[in-house]
Amino acid sequence: MKGVKRFDASKPVVNVAADVPERALGSLRIGQGATIRVAAFPSRRFTGHVERVSDQVDSAKRTVEALLHVPNPTRSLKPGMFATVVLHVRLAAEPGAERPLSVPASAVVTDGDARYVFVQVAPLTFERRAVELALSAGGARAGTRVVVLSGLAPGERVVTRGAFTLKSELAKAAFAEDEH
């Protein structure tokens, strides 16, 4: 039968369910690649692809479940394990299409559920700017980039090293203002 995928028991596959933030649905595609990590094997990366995307948004979590098929030839992955999933996003979807704005993952600072970057507005002067990221449901690794959906304009300079230090200085300054 043409076009029908047959299950091959000699090539075990694990299904991984990933909760994808609603705001990232525009970047989610069937067949999209993904990298999966589990705590049991911190130095190993498993790869898979999106097989199915739920038709319903979880109203409490504001996420959509994506089901990934992950080859598991050594049977290392076990049902019920917690995993970190990083979905691969194409940076240029079609020839001639504009590249989405992206920044190094090291530029993004987290504060609760908020994500922001520090933008240089003058020499030695920085502004904290809230950003919305495409697929932020995974641990960023050194050298990776994240797609920025809003909050930043092309050409703006962001802090890529030392952002945590700026966050700490900002917190100290706010604390000092509260004491006065």
N, C-alpha and C. Protein backbone atom coordinates (compact mmCIF):
# COMPACT_ATOMS: atom_id res chain seq x y z
N MET A 1 0.84 -1.18 0.00
CA MET A 1 0.00 0.00 0.00
C MET A 1 0.87 1.23 0.00
N LYS A 2 0.63 2.06 -0.96
CA LYS A 2 1.45 3.26 -1.09
C LYS A 2 0.99 4.33 -0.09
N GLY A 3 1.96 4.99 0.56
CA GLY A 3 1.66 6.08 1.49
C GLY A 3 1.28 5.65 2.89
N VAL A 4 1.23 4.35 3.15
CA VAL A 4 0.87 3.87 4.48
C VAL A 4 2.14 3.50 5.22
N LYS A 5 2.28 4.02 6.42
CA LYS A 5 3.45 3.68 7.24
C LYS A 5 3.16 2.38 7.96
N ARG A 6 4.07 1.45 7.88
CA ARG A 6 3.91 0.17 8.56
C ARG A 6 4.75 0.20 9.84
N PHE A 7 4.21 -0.39 10.90
CA PHE A 7 4.94 -0.48 12.16
C PHE A 7 5.95 -1.61 12.07
N ASP A 8 7.18 -1.32 12.43
CA ASP A 8 8.25 -2.32 12.40
C ASP A 8 8.73 -2.53 13.84
N ALA A 9 8.37 -3.67 14.44
CA ALA A 9 8.70 -3.94 15.84
C ALA A 9 10.20 -4.02 16.08
N SER A 10 11.00 -4.23 15.03
CA SER A 10 12.45 -4.29 15.20
C SER A 10 13.06 -2.89 15.36
N LYS A 11 12.27 -1.86 15.08
CA LYS A 11 12.73 -0.48 15.23
C LYS A 11 11.80 0.22 16.22
N PRO A 12 12.04 0.02 17.53
CA PRO A 12 11.13 0.60 18.52
C PRO A 12 11.11 2.12 18.49
N VAL A 13 9.93 2.65 18.70
CA VAL A 13 9.69 4.08 18.72
C VAL A 13 8.94 4.41 20.00
N VAL A 14 9.27 5.55 20.61
CA VAL A 14 8.55 6.04 21.79
C VAL A 14 7.79 7.28 21.38
N ASN A 15 6.58 7.41 21.88
CA ASN A 15 5.81 8.63 21.66
C ASN A 15 6.10 9.58 22.82
N VAL A 16 6.44 10.81 22.49
CA VAL A 16 6.71 11.84 23.49
C VAL A 16 5.66 12.93 23.31
N ALA A 17 4.94 13.24 24.38
CA ALA A 17 3.94 14.30 24.35
C ALA A 17 4.59 15.59 24.85
N ALA A 18 4.49 16.65 24.04
CA ALA A 18 5.07 17.94 24.41
C ALA A 18 3.98 18.99 24.48
N ASP A 19 3.95 19.75 25.56
CA ASP A 19 3.01 20.86 25.68
C ASP A 19 3.65 22.08 25.04
N VAL A 20 3.06 22.53 23.94
CA VAL A 20 3.60 23.66 23.18
C VAL A 20 2.76 24.89 23.51
N PRO A 21 3.40 25.99 23.91
CA PRO A 21 2.64 27.21 24.23
C PRO A 21 1.79 27.65 23.04
N GLU A 22 0.58 28.10 23.35
CA GLU A 22 -0.36 28.54 22.32
C GLU A 22 0.26 29.59 21.39
N ARG A 23 1.05 30.49 21.94
CA ARG A 23 1.63 31.57 21.13
C ARG A 23 2.63 31.05 20.09
N ALA A 24 3.06 29.79 20.23
CA ALA A 24 4.05 29.23 19.31
C ALA A 24 3.42 28.36 18.21
N LEU A 25 2.10 28.30 18.17
CA LEU A 25 1.44 27.43 17.19
C LEU A 25 1.78 27.77 15.75
N GLY A 26 2.04 29.01 15.46
CA GLY A 26 2.39 29.41 14.10
C GLY A 26 3.68 28.80 13.61
N SER A 27 4.51 28.34 14.51
CA SER A 27 5.80 27.73 14.15
C SER A 27 5.77 26.20 14.20
N LEU A 28 4.64 25.62 14.58
CA LEU A 28 4.54 24.17 14.77
C LEU A 28 4.01 23.50 13.51
N ARG A 29 4.71 22.45 13.05
CA ARG A 29 4.33 21.74 11.82
C ARG A 29 4.46 20.23 12.00
N ILE A 30 3.58 19.48 11.35
CA ILE A 30 3.71 18.03 11.28
C ILE A 30 5.01 17.73 10.54
N GLY A 31 5.79 16.78 11.03
CA GLY A 31 7.06 16.42 10.39
C GLY A 31 8.24 17.22 10.91
N GLN A 32 7.98 18.26 11.69
CA GLN A 32 9.03 19.12 12.24
C GLN A 32 9.95 18.30 13.14
N GLY A 33 11.23 18.54 13.03
CA GLY A 33 12.21 17.84 13.85
C GLY A 33 12.25 18.35 15.27
N ALA A 34 12.78 17.52 16.14
CA ALA A 34 12.88 17.89 17.55
C ALA A 34 14.05 17.17 18.18
N THR A 35 14.61 17.79 19.21
CA THR A 35 15.65 17.18 20.03
C THR A 35 15.05 16.95 21.41
N ILE A 36 15.27 15.76 21.95
CA ILE A 36 14.69 15.38 23.22
C ILE A 36 15.81 15.01 24.18
N ARG A 37 15.71 15.50 25.42
CA ARG A 37 16.66 15.15 26.48
C ARG A 37 15.89 14.66 27.69
N VAL A 38 16.49 13.72 28.41
CA VAL A 38 15.89 13.21 29.64
C VAL A 38 16.94 13.22 30.74
N ALA A 39 16.49 13.37 31.98
CA ALA A 39 17.42 13.46 33.11
C ALA A 39 18.24 12.19 33.29
N ALA A 40 17.70 11.05 32.92
CA ALA A 40 18.42 9.79 33.09
C ALA A 40 19.69 9.72 32.25
N PHE A 41 19.69 10.43 31.13
CA PHE A 41 20.85 10.42 30.22
C PHE A 41 21.16 11.86 29.81
N PRO A 42 21.70 12.67 30.74
CA PRO A 42 21.87 14.11 30.47
C PRO A 42 22.80 14.45 29.31
N SER A 43 23.71 13.57 28.97
CA SER A 43 24.64 13.89 27.87
C SER A 43 24.15 13.38 26.52
N ARG A 44 23.04 12.65 26.50
CA ARG A 44 22.52 12.11 25.24
C ARG A 44 21.40 12.98 24.70
N ARG A 45 21.37 13.08 23.38
CA ARG A 45 20.27 13.76 22.71
C ARG A 45 19.57 12.74 21.83
N PHE A 46 18.26 12.72 21.91
CA PHE A 46 17.45 11.86 21.06
C PHE A 46 16.76 12.77 20.05
N THR A 47 16.54 12.28 18.85
CA THR A 47 15.87 13.09 17.85
C THR A 47 14.58 12.41 17.42
N GLY A 48 13.63 13.23 17.06
CA GLY A 48 12.35 12.71 16.59
C GLY A 48 11.67 13.74 15.73
N HIS A 49 10.40 13.52 15.46
CA HIS A 49 9.64 14.47 14.65
C HIS A 49 8.20 14.53 15.13
N VAL A 50 7.55 15.65 14.84
CA VAL A 50 6.15 15.85 15.23
C VAL A 50 5.29 14.97 14.33
N GLU A 51 4.54 14.10 14.95
CA GLU A 51 3.65 13.19 14.22
C GLU A 51 2.22 13.71 14.19
N ARG A 52 1.80 14.35 15.30
CA ARG A 52 0.42 14.80 15.40
C ARG A 52 0.35 16.01 16.32
N VAL A 53 -0.60 16.91 16.04
CA VAL A 53 -0.83 18.08 16.88
C VAL A 53 -2.31 18.07 17.28
N SER A 54 -2.57 18.23 18.55
CA SER A 54 -3.94 18.23 19.05
C SER A 54 -4.75 19.35 18.41
N ASP A 55 -6.04 19.12 18.28
CA ASP A 55 -6.94 20.14 17.72
C ASP A 55 -7.49 21.05 18.81
N GLN A 56 -7.11 20.79 20.06
CA GLN A 56 -7.69 21.54 21.17
C GLN A 56 -6.61 22.16 22.04
N VAL A 57 -6.86 23.39 22.47
CA VAL A 57 -5.96 24.08 23.40
C VAL A 57 -6.39 23.73 24.82
N ASP A 58 -5.41 23.40 25.66
CA ASP A 58 -5.68 23.16 27.08
C ASP A 58 -5.95 24.54 27.69
N SER A 59 -7.20 24.78 28.09
CA SER A 59 -7.59 26.12 28.55
C SER A 59 -6.91 26.53 29.85
N ALA A 60 -6.48 25.57 30.66
CA ALA A 60 -5.81 25.91 31.93
C ALA A 60 -4.34 26.25 31.70
N LYS A 61 -3.67 25.48 30.85
CA LYS A 61 -2.23 25.68 30.63
C LYS A 61 -1.93 26.56 29.43
N ARG A 62 -2.92 26.80 28.56
CA ARG A 62 -2.74 27.58 27.32
C ARG A 62 -1.68 26.93 26.43
N THR A 63 -1.75 25.61 26.34
CA THR A 63 -0.82 24.84 25.51
C THR A 63 -1.60 23.89 24.60
N VAL A 64 -0.90 23.42 23.58
CA VAL A 64 -1.43 22.41 22.67
C VAL A 64 -0.47 21.23 22.73
N GLU A 65 -1.01 20.02 22.78
CA GLU A 65 -0.15 18.84 22.84
C GLU A 65 0.32 18.45 21.44
N ALA A 66 1.63 18.30 21.31
CA ALA A 66 2.23 17.78 20.07
C ALA A 66 2.76 16.39 20.41
N LEU A 67 2.44 15.42 19.58
CA LEU A 67 2.92 14.06 19.80
C LEU A 67 4.11 13.83 18.87
N LEU A 68 5.24 13.47 19.46
CA LEU A 68 6.45 13.24 18.69
C LEU A 68 6.77 11.75 18.65
N HIS A 69 7.24 11.29 17.52
CA HIS A 69 7.75 9.92 17.40
C HIS A 69 9.26 10.00 17.52
N VAL A 70 9.82 9.23 18.45
CA VAL A 70 11.25 9.26 18.71
C VAL A 70 11.80 7.83 18.59
N PRO A 71 12.70 7.58 17.63
CA PRO A 71 13.31 6.26 17.55
C PRO A 71 14.01 5.92 18.86
N ASN A 72 13.86 4.68 19.30
CA ASN A 72 14.39 4.24 20.58
C ASN A 72 15.03 2.86 20.43
N PRO A 73 16.03 2.73 19.54
CA PRO A 73 16.59 1.41 19.25
C PRO A 73 17.23 0.72 20.45
N THR A 74 17.76 1.49 21.38
CA THR A 74 18.40 0.88 22.57
C THR A 74 17.40 0.72 23.71
N ARG A 75 16.18 1.16 23.49
CA ARG A 75 15.12 1.11 24.50
C ARG A 75 15.50 1.86 25.78
N SER A 76 16.29 2.93 25.61
CA SER A 76 16.71 3.75 26.76
C SER A 76 15.57 4.61 27.28
N LEU A 77 14.74 5.10 26.37
CA LEU A 77 13.61 5.94 26.76
C LEU A 77 12.47 5.06 27.24
N LYS A 78 11.88 5.44 28.36
CA LYS A 78 10.80 4.65 28.98
C LYS A 78 9.54 5.50 29.07
N PRO A 79 8.39 4.90 28.81
CA PRO A 79 7.14 5.64 28.99
C PRO A 79 7.05 6.19 30.42
N GLY A 80 6.60 7.45 30.53
CA GLY A 80 6.47 8.08 31.83
C GLY A 80 7.63 8.97 32.22
N MET A 81 8.75 8.91 31.48
CA MET A 81 9.89 9.79 31.78
C MET A 81 9.50 11.23 31.46
N PHE A 82 10.07 12.17 32.22
CA PHE A 82 9.93 13.57 31.89
C PHE A 82 11.03 13.92 30.90
N ALA A 83 10.69 14.75 29.92
CA ALA A 83 11.65 15.10 28.88
C ALA A 83 11.62 16.59 28.62
N THR A 84 12.75 17.09 28.15
CA THR A 84 12.83 18.47 27.65
C THR A 84 12.85 18.35 26.14
N VAL A 85 11.94 19.06 25.49
CA VAL A 85 11.81 18.98 24.04
C VAL A 85 12.14 20.34 23.44
N VAL A 86 13.03 20.34 22.45
CA VAL A 86 13.34 21.54 21.69
C VAL A 86 12.91 21.28 20.26
N LEU A 87 11.91 22.03 19.81
CA LEU A 87 11.43 21.87 18.45
C LEU A 87 12.29 22.69 17.51
N HIS A 88 12.65 22.12 16.39
CA HIS A 88 13.50 22.81 15.40
C HIS A 88 12.62 23.71 14.55
N VAL A 89 12.98 24.98 14.49
CA VAL A 89 12.22 25.97 13.73
C VAL A 89 13.03 26.36 12.52
N ARG A 90 12.40 26.35 11.37
CA ARG A 90 13.07 26.81 10.15
C ARG A 90 13.19 28.32 10.22
N LEU A 91 14.37 28.83 9.95
CA LEU A 91 14.56 30.29 10.01
C LEU A 91 14.18 30.98 8.71
N ALA A 92 14.05 30.27 7.63
CA ALA A 92 13.58 30.85 6.38
C ALA A 92 12.67 29.82 5.73
N ALA A 93 11.36 30.02 5.85
CA ALA A 93 10.40 29.01 5.43
C ALA A 93 10.41 28.79 3.92
N GLU A 94 10.50 29.84 3.13
CA GLU A 94 10.44 29.69 1.69
C GLU A 94 11.46 30.61 1.05
N PRO A 95 11.90 30.25 -0.16
CA PRO A 95 12.85 31.13 -0.84
C PRO A 95 12.26 32.54 -0.96
N GLY A 96 13.07 33.52 -0.64
CA GLY A 96 12.64 34.91 -0.73
C GLY A 96 11.91 35.39 0.51
N ALA A 97 11.59 34.48 1.42
CA ALA A 97 10.89 34.88 2.64
C ALA A 97 11.87 35.57 3.58
N GLU A 98 11.34 36.51 4.35
CA GLU A 98 12.18 37.20 5.33
C GLU A 98 12.57 36.24 6.44
N ARG A 99 13.82 36.35 6.89
CA ARG A 99 14.24 35.52 8.03
C ARG A 99 13.61 36.10 9.28
N PRO A 100 13.06 35.24 10.12
CA PRO A 100 12.51 35.75 11.38
C PRO A 100 13.64 36.32 12.25
N LEU A 101 13.28 37.25 13.08
CA LEU A 101 14.24 37.85 14.00
C LEU A 101 14.62 36.82 15.06
N SER A 102 15.91 36.64 15.28
CA SER A 102 16.35 35.71 16.31
C SER A 102 17.52 36.33 17.07
N VAL A 103 17.69 35.84 18.30
CA VAL A 103 18.80 36.29 19.16
C VAL A 103 19.45 35.06 19.76
N PRO A 104 20.70 35.18 20.20
CA PRO A 104 21.32 34.06 20.91
C PRO A 104 20.50 33.74 22.16
N ALA A 105 20.36 32.46 22.47
CA ALA A 105 19.60 32.05 23.65
C ALA A 105 20.19 32.67 24.92
N SER A 106 21.49 32.93 24.92
CA SER A 106 22.14 33.51 26.10
C SER A 106 21.67 34.94 26.37
N ALA A 107 21.01 35.59 25.40
CA ALA A 107 20.53 36.96 25.58
C ALA A 107 19.21 37.00 26.34
N VAL A 108 18.50 35.89 26.39
CA VAL A 108 17.17 35.85 26.99
C VAL A 108 17.27 35.60 28.49
N VAL A 109 16.62 36.47 29.26
CA VAL A 109 16.60 36.37 30.71
C VAL A 109 15.17 36.03 31.12
N THR A 110 15.05 35.16 32.11
CA THR A 110 13.74 34.73 32.59
C THR A 110 13.45 35.34 33.95
N ASP A 111 12.22 35.79 34.12
CA ASP A 111 11.77 36.30 35.42
C ASP A 111 10.34 35.78 35.60
N GLY A 112 10.20 34.66 36.31
CA GLY A 112 8.89 34.00 36.41
C GLY A 112 8.50 33.47 35.04
N ASP A 113 7.32 33.85 34.58
CA ASP A 113 6.87 33.45 33.24
C ASP A 113 7.34 34.41 32.16
N ALA A 114 7.87 35.56 32.56
CA ALA A 114 8.28 36.59 31.60
C ALA A 114 9.66 36.28 31.02
N ARG A 115 9.84 36.64 29.77
CA ARG A 115 11.13 36.53 29.09
C ARG A 115 11.48 37.94 28.60
N TYR A 116 12.73 38.31 28.78
CA TYR A 116 13.13 39.62 28.30
C TYR A 116 14.60 39.62 27.90
N VAL A 117 14.99 40.70 27.21
CA VAL A 117 16.38 40.91 26.81
C VAL A 117 16.75 42.33 27.24
N PHE A 118 18.05 42.59 27.31
CA PHE A 118 18.52 43.94 27.56
C PHE A 118 18.99 44.51 26.23
N VAL A 119 18.41 45.66 25.86
CA VAL A 119 18.70 46.32 24.59
C VAL A 119 19.57 47.54 24.88
N GLN A 120 20.65 47.70 24.09
CA GLN A 120 21.52 48.86 24.26
C GLN A 120 20.84 50.06 23.61
N VAL A 121 20.57 51.10 24.41
CA VAL A 121 19.91 52.31 23.91
C VAL A 121 20.87 53.48 23.78
N ALA A 122 22.04 53.38 24.39
CA ALA A 122 23.10 54.38 24.31
C ALA A 122 24.36 53.69 24.83
N PRO A 123 25.54 54.29 24.61
CA PRO A 123 26.74 53.65 25.16
C PRO A 123 26.60 53.44 26.67
N LEU A 124 26.83 52.23 27.11
CA LEU A 124 26.75 51.84 28.51
C LEU A 124 25.37 52.05 29.14
N THR A 125 24.33 52.14 28.31
CA THR A 125 22.96 52.31 28.80
C THR A 125 22.09 51.23 28.16
N PHE A 126 21.36 50.50 29.02
CA PHE A 126 20.57 49.37 28.55
C PHE A 126 19.16 49.46 29.06
N GLU A 127 18.23 48.94 28.26
CA GLU A 127 16.82 48.94 28.62
C GLU A 127 16.33 47.50 28.66
N ARG A 128 15.61 47.17 29.73
CA ARG A 128 15.02 45.83 29.83
C ARG A 128 13.77 45.81 28.95
N ARG A 129 13.68 44.82 28.05
CA ARG A 129 12.57 44.75 27.10
C ARG A 129 11.93 43.38 27.11
N ALA A 130 10.64 43.32 27.38
CA ALA A 130 9.90 42.05 27.35
C ALA A 130 9.84 41.56 25.91
N VAL A 131 10.04 40.26 25.72
CA VAL A 131 9.97 39.66 24.39
C VAL A 131 9.08 38.43 24.43
N GLU A 132 8.47 38.15 23.30
CA GLU A 132 7.71 36.92 23.13
C GLU A 132 8.52 36.04 22.19
N LEU A 133 8.77 34.81 22.63
CA LEU A 133 9.60 33.89 21.86
C LEU A 133 8.75 32.85 21.15
N ALA A 134 9.26 32.33 20.05
CA ALA A 134 8.54 31.28 19.32
C ALA A 134 8.46 30.04 20.19
N LEU A 135 9.31 29.12 20.08
CA LEU A 135 9.19 27.88 20.83
C LEU A 135 10.13 27.92 22.02
N SER A 136 9.58 28.32 23.15
CA SER A 136 10.42 28.47 24.33
C SER A 136 10.26 27.31 25.29
N ALA A 137 9.80 26.18 24.79
CA ALA A 137 9.55 25.06 25.70
C ALA A 137 10.71 24.09 25.73
N GLY A 138 11.87 24.57 25.97
CA GLY A 138 13.00 23.67 26.08
C GLY A 138 14.20 24.39 26.63
N GLY A 139 15.13 23.65 27.15
CA GLY A 139 16.33 24.26 27.68
C GLY A 139 17.24 24.73 26.56
N ALA A 140 17.64 25.95 26.60
CA ALA A 140 18.52 26.48 25.58
C ALA A 140 19.95 26.04 25.85
N ARG A 141 20.64 25.68 24.81
CA ARG A 141 22.04 25.28 24.93
C ARG A 141 22.91 26.41 24.42
N ALA A 142 24.15 26.41 24.86
CA ALA A 142 25.09 27.42 24.39
C ALA A 142 25.19 27.33 22.88
N GLY A 143 25.17 28.47 22.22
CA GLY A 143 25.31 28.51 20.77
C GLY A 143 23.99 28.44 20.04
N THR A 144 22.87 28.23 20.73
CA THR A 144 21.58 28.16 20.04
C THR A 144 20.97 29.55 19.94
N ARG A 145 20.03 29.68 19.01
CA ARG A 145 19.31 30.94 18.84
C ARG A 145 17.83 30.69 19.05
N VAL A 146 17.13 31.73 19.47
CA VAL A 146 15.69 31.64 19.66
C VAL A 146 15.02 32.70 18.79
N VAL A 147 13.86 32.36 18.27
CA VAL A 147 13.11 33.27 17.41
C VAL A 147 12.28 34.20 18.28
N VAL A 148 12.37 35.50 18.00
CA VAL A 148 11.63 36.52 18.74
C VAL A 148 10.41 36.92 17.92
N LEU A 149 9.22 36.72 18.49
CA LEU A 149 7.99 37.06 17.79
C LEU A 149 7.61 38.52 17.96
N SER A 150 7.92 39.08 19.16
CA SER A 150 7.61 40.50 19.39
C SER A 150 8.48 41.04 20.51
N GLY A 151 8.58 42.39 20.54
CA GLY A 151 9.32 43.06 21.60
C GLY A 151 10.69 43.57 21.19
N LEU A 152 11.11 43.24 19.98
CA LEU A 152 12.44 43.63 19.52
C LEU A 152 12.37 43.97 18.04
N ALA A 153 13.13 44.96 17.62
CA ALA A 153 13.14 45.35 16.21
C ALA A 153 14.47 44.91 15.57
N PRO A 154 14.45 44.64 14.27
CA PRO A 154 15.70 44.28 13.59
C PRO A 154 16.74 45.38 13.77
N GLY A 155 17.98 44.98 13.99
CA GLY A 155 19.08 45.93 14.13
C GLY A 155 19.34 46.39 15.55
N GLU A 156 18.41 46.15 16.47
CA GLU A 156 18.65 46.55 17.86
C GLU A 156 19.72 45.64 18.45
N ARG A 157 20.59 46.23 19.25
CA ARG A 157 21.69 45.49 19.87
C ARG A 157 21.25 44.97 21.23
N VAL A 158 21.45 43.65 21.43
CA VAL A 158 21.08 43.04 22.71
C VAL A 158 22.32 42.52 23.41
N VAL A 159 22.24 42.47 24.74
CA VAL A 159 23.33 41.94 25.56
C VAL A 159 23.29 40.43 25.44
N THR A 160 24.41 39.83 25.04
CA THR A 160 24.47 38.38 24.92
C THR A 160 25.30 37.75 26.03
N ARG A 161 26.18 38.52 26.63
CA ARG A 161 26.96 38.05 27.78
C ARG A 161 26.82 39.08 28.89
N GLY A 162 26.51 38.60 30.08
CA GLY A 162 26.38 39.52 31.21
C GLY A 162 24.95 39.97 31.47
N ALA A 163 23.97 39.38 30.78
CA ALA A 163 22.58 39.78 30.99
C ALA A 163 22.14 39.50 32.43
N PHE A 164 22.62 38.40 33.00
CA PHE A 164 22.26 38.08 34.38
C PHE A 164 22.79 39.15 35.34
N THR A 165 23.99 39.66 35.06
CA THR A 165 24.57 40.72 35.89
C THR A 165 23.70 41.97 35.82
N LEU A 166 23.23 42.32 34.61
CA LEU A 166 22.35 43.48 34.47
C LEU A 166 21.04 43.26 35.23
N LYS A 167 20.51 42.03 35.16
CA LYS A 167 19.28 41.71 35.89
C LYS A 167 19.50 41.91 37.39
N SER A 168 20.65 41.46 37.90
CA SER A 168 20.96 41.61 39.32
C SER A 168 21.10 43.08 39.70
N GLU A 169 21.76 43.86 38.87
CA GLU A 169 21.92 45.30 39.15
C GLU A 169 20.57 46.01 39.15
N LEU A 170 19.71 45.63 38.22
CA LEU A 170 18.37 46.22 38.15
C LEU A 170 17.59 45.90 39.43
N ALA A 171 17.69 44.66 39.90
CA ALA A 171 17.01 44.25 41.13
C ALA A 171 17.54 45.02 42.33
N LYS A 172 18.88 45.21 42.40
CA LYS A 172 19.47 45.97 43.52
C LYS A 172 18.98 47.40 43.51
N ALA A 173 18.91 48.00 42.32
CA ALA A 173 18.46 49.38 42.21
C ALA A 173 16.99 49.52 42.65
N ALA A 174 16.16 48.55 42.26
CA ALA A 174 14.74 48.58 42.65
C ALA A 174 14.61 48.41 44.16
N PHE A 175 15.45 47.54 44.75
CA PHE A 175 15.43 47.32 46.19
C PHE A 175 15.83 48.60 46.93
N ALA A 176 16.86 49.27 46.42
CA ALA A 176 17.34 50.52 47.05
C ALA A 176 16.25 51.59 46.99
N GLU A 177 15.50 51.67 45.87
CA GLU A 177 14.40 52.65 45.76
C GLU A 177 13.30 52.34 46.75
N ASP A 178 13.02 51.05 46.98
CA ASP A 178 11.97 50.65 47.91
C ASP A 178 12.31 51.02 49.34
N GLU A 179 13.60 51.08 49.70
CA GLU A 179 14.02 51.40 51.05
C GLU A 179 13.89 52.88 51.36
N HIS A 180 13.85 53.72 50.32
CA HIS A 180 13.79 55.17 50.55
C HIS A 180 12.39 55.67 50.63
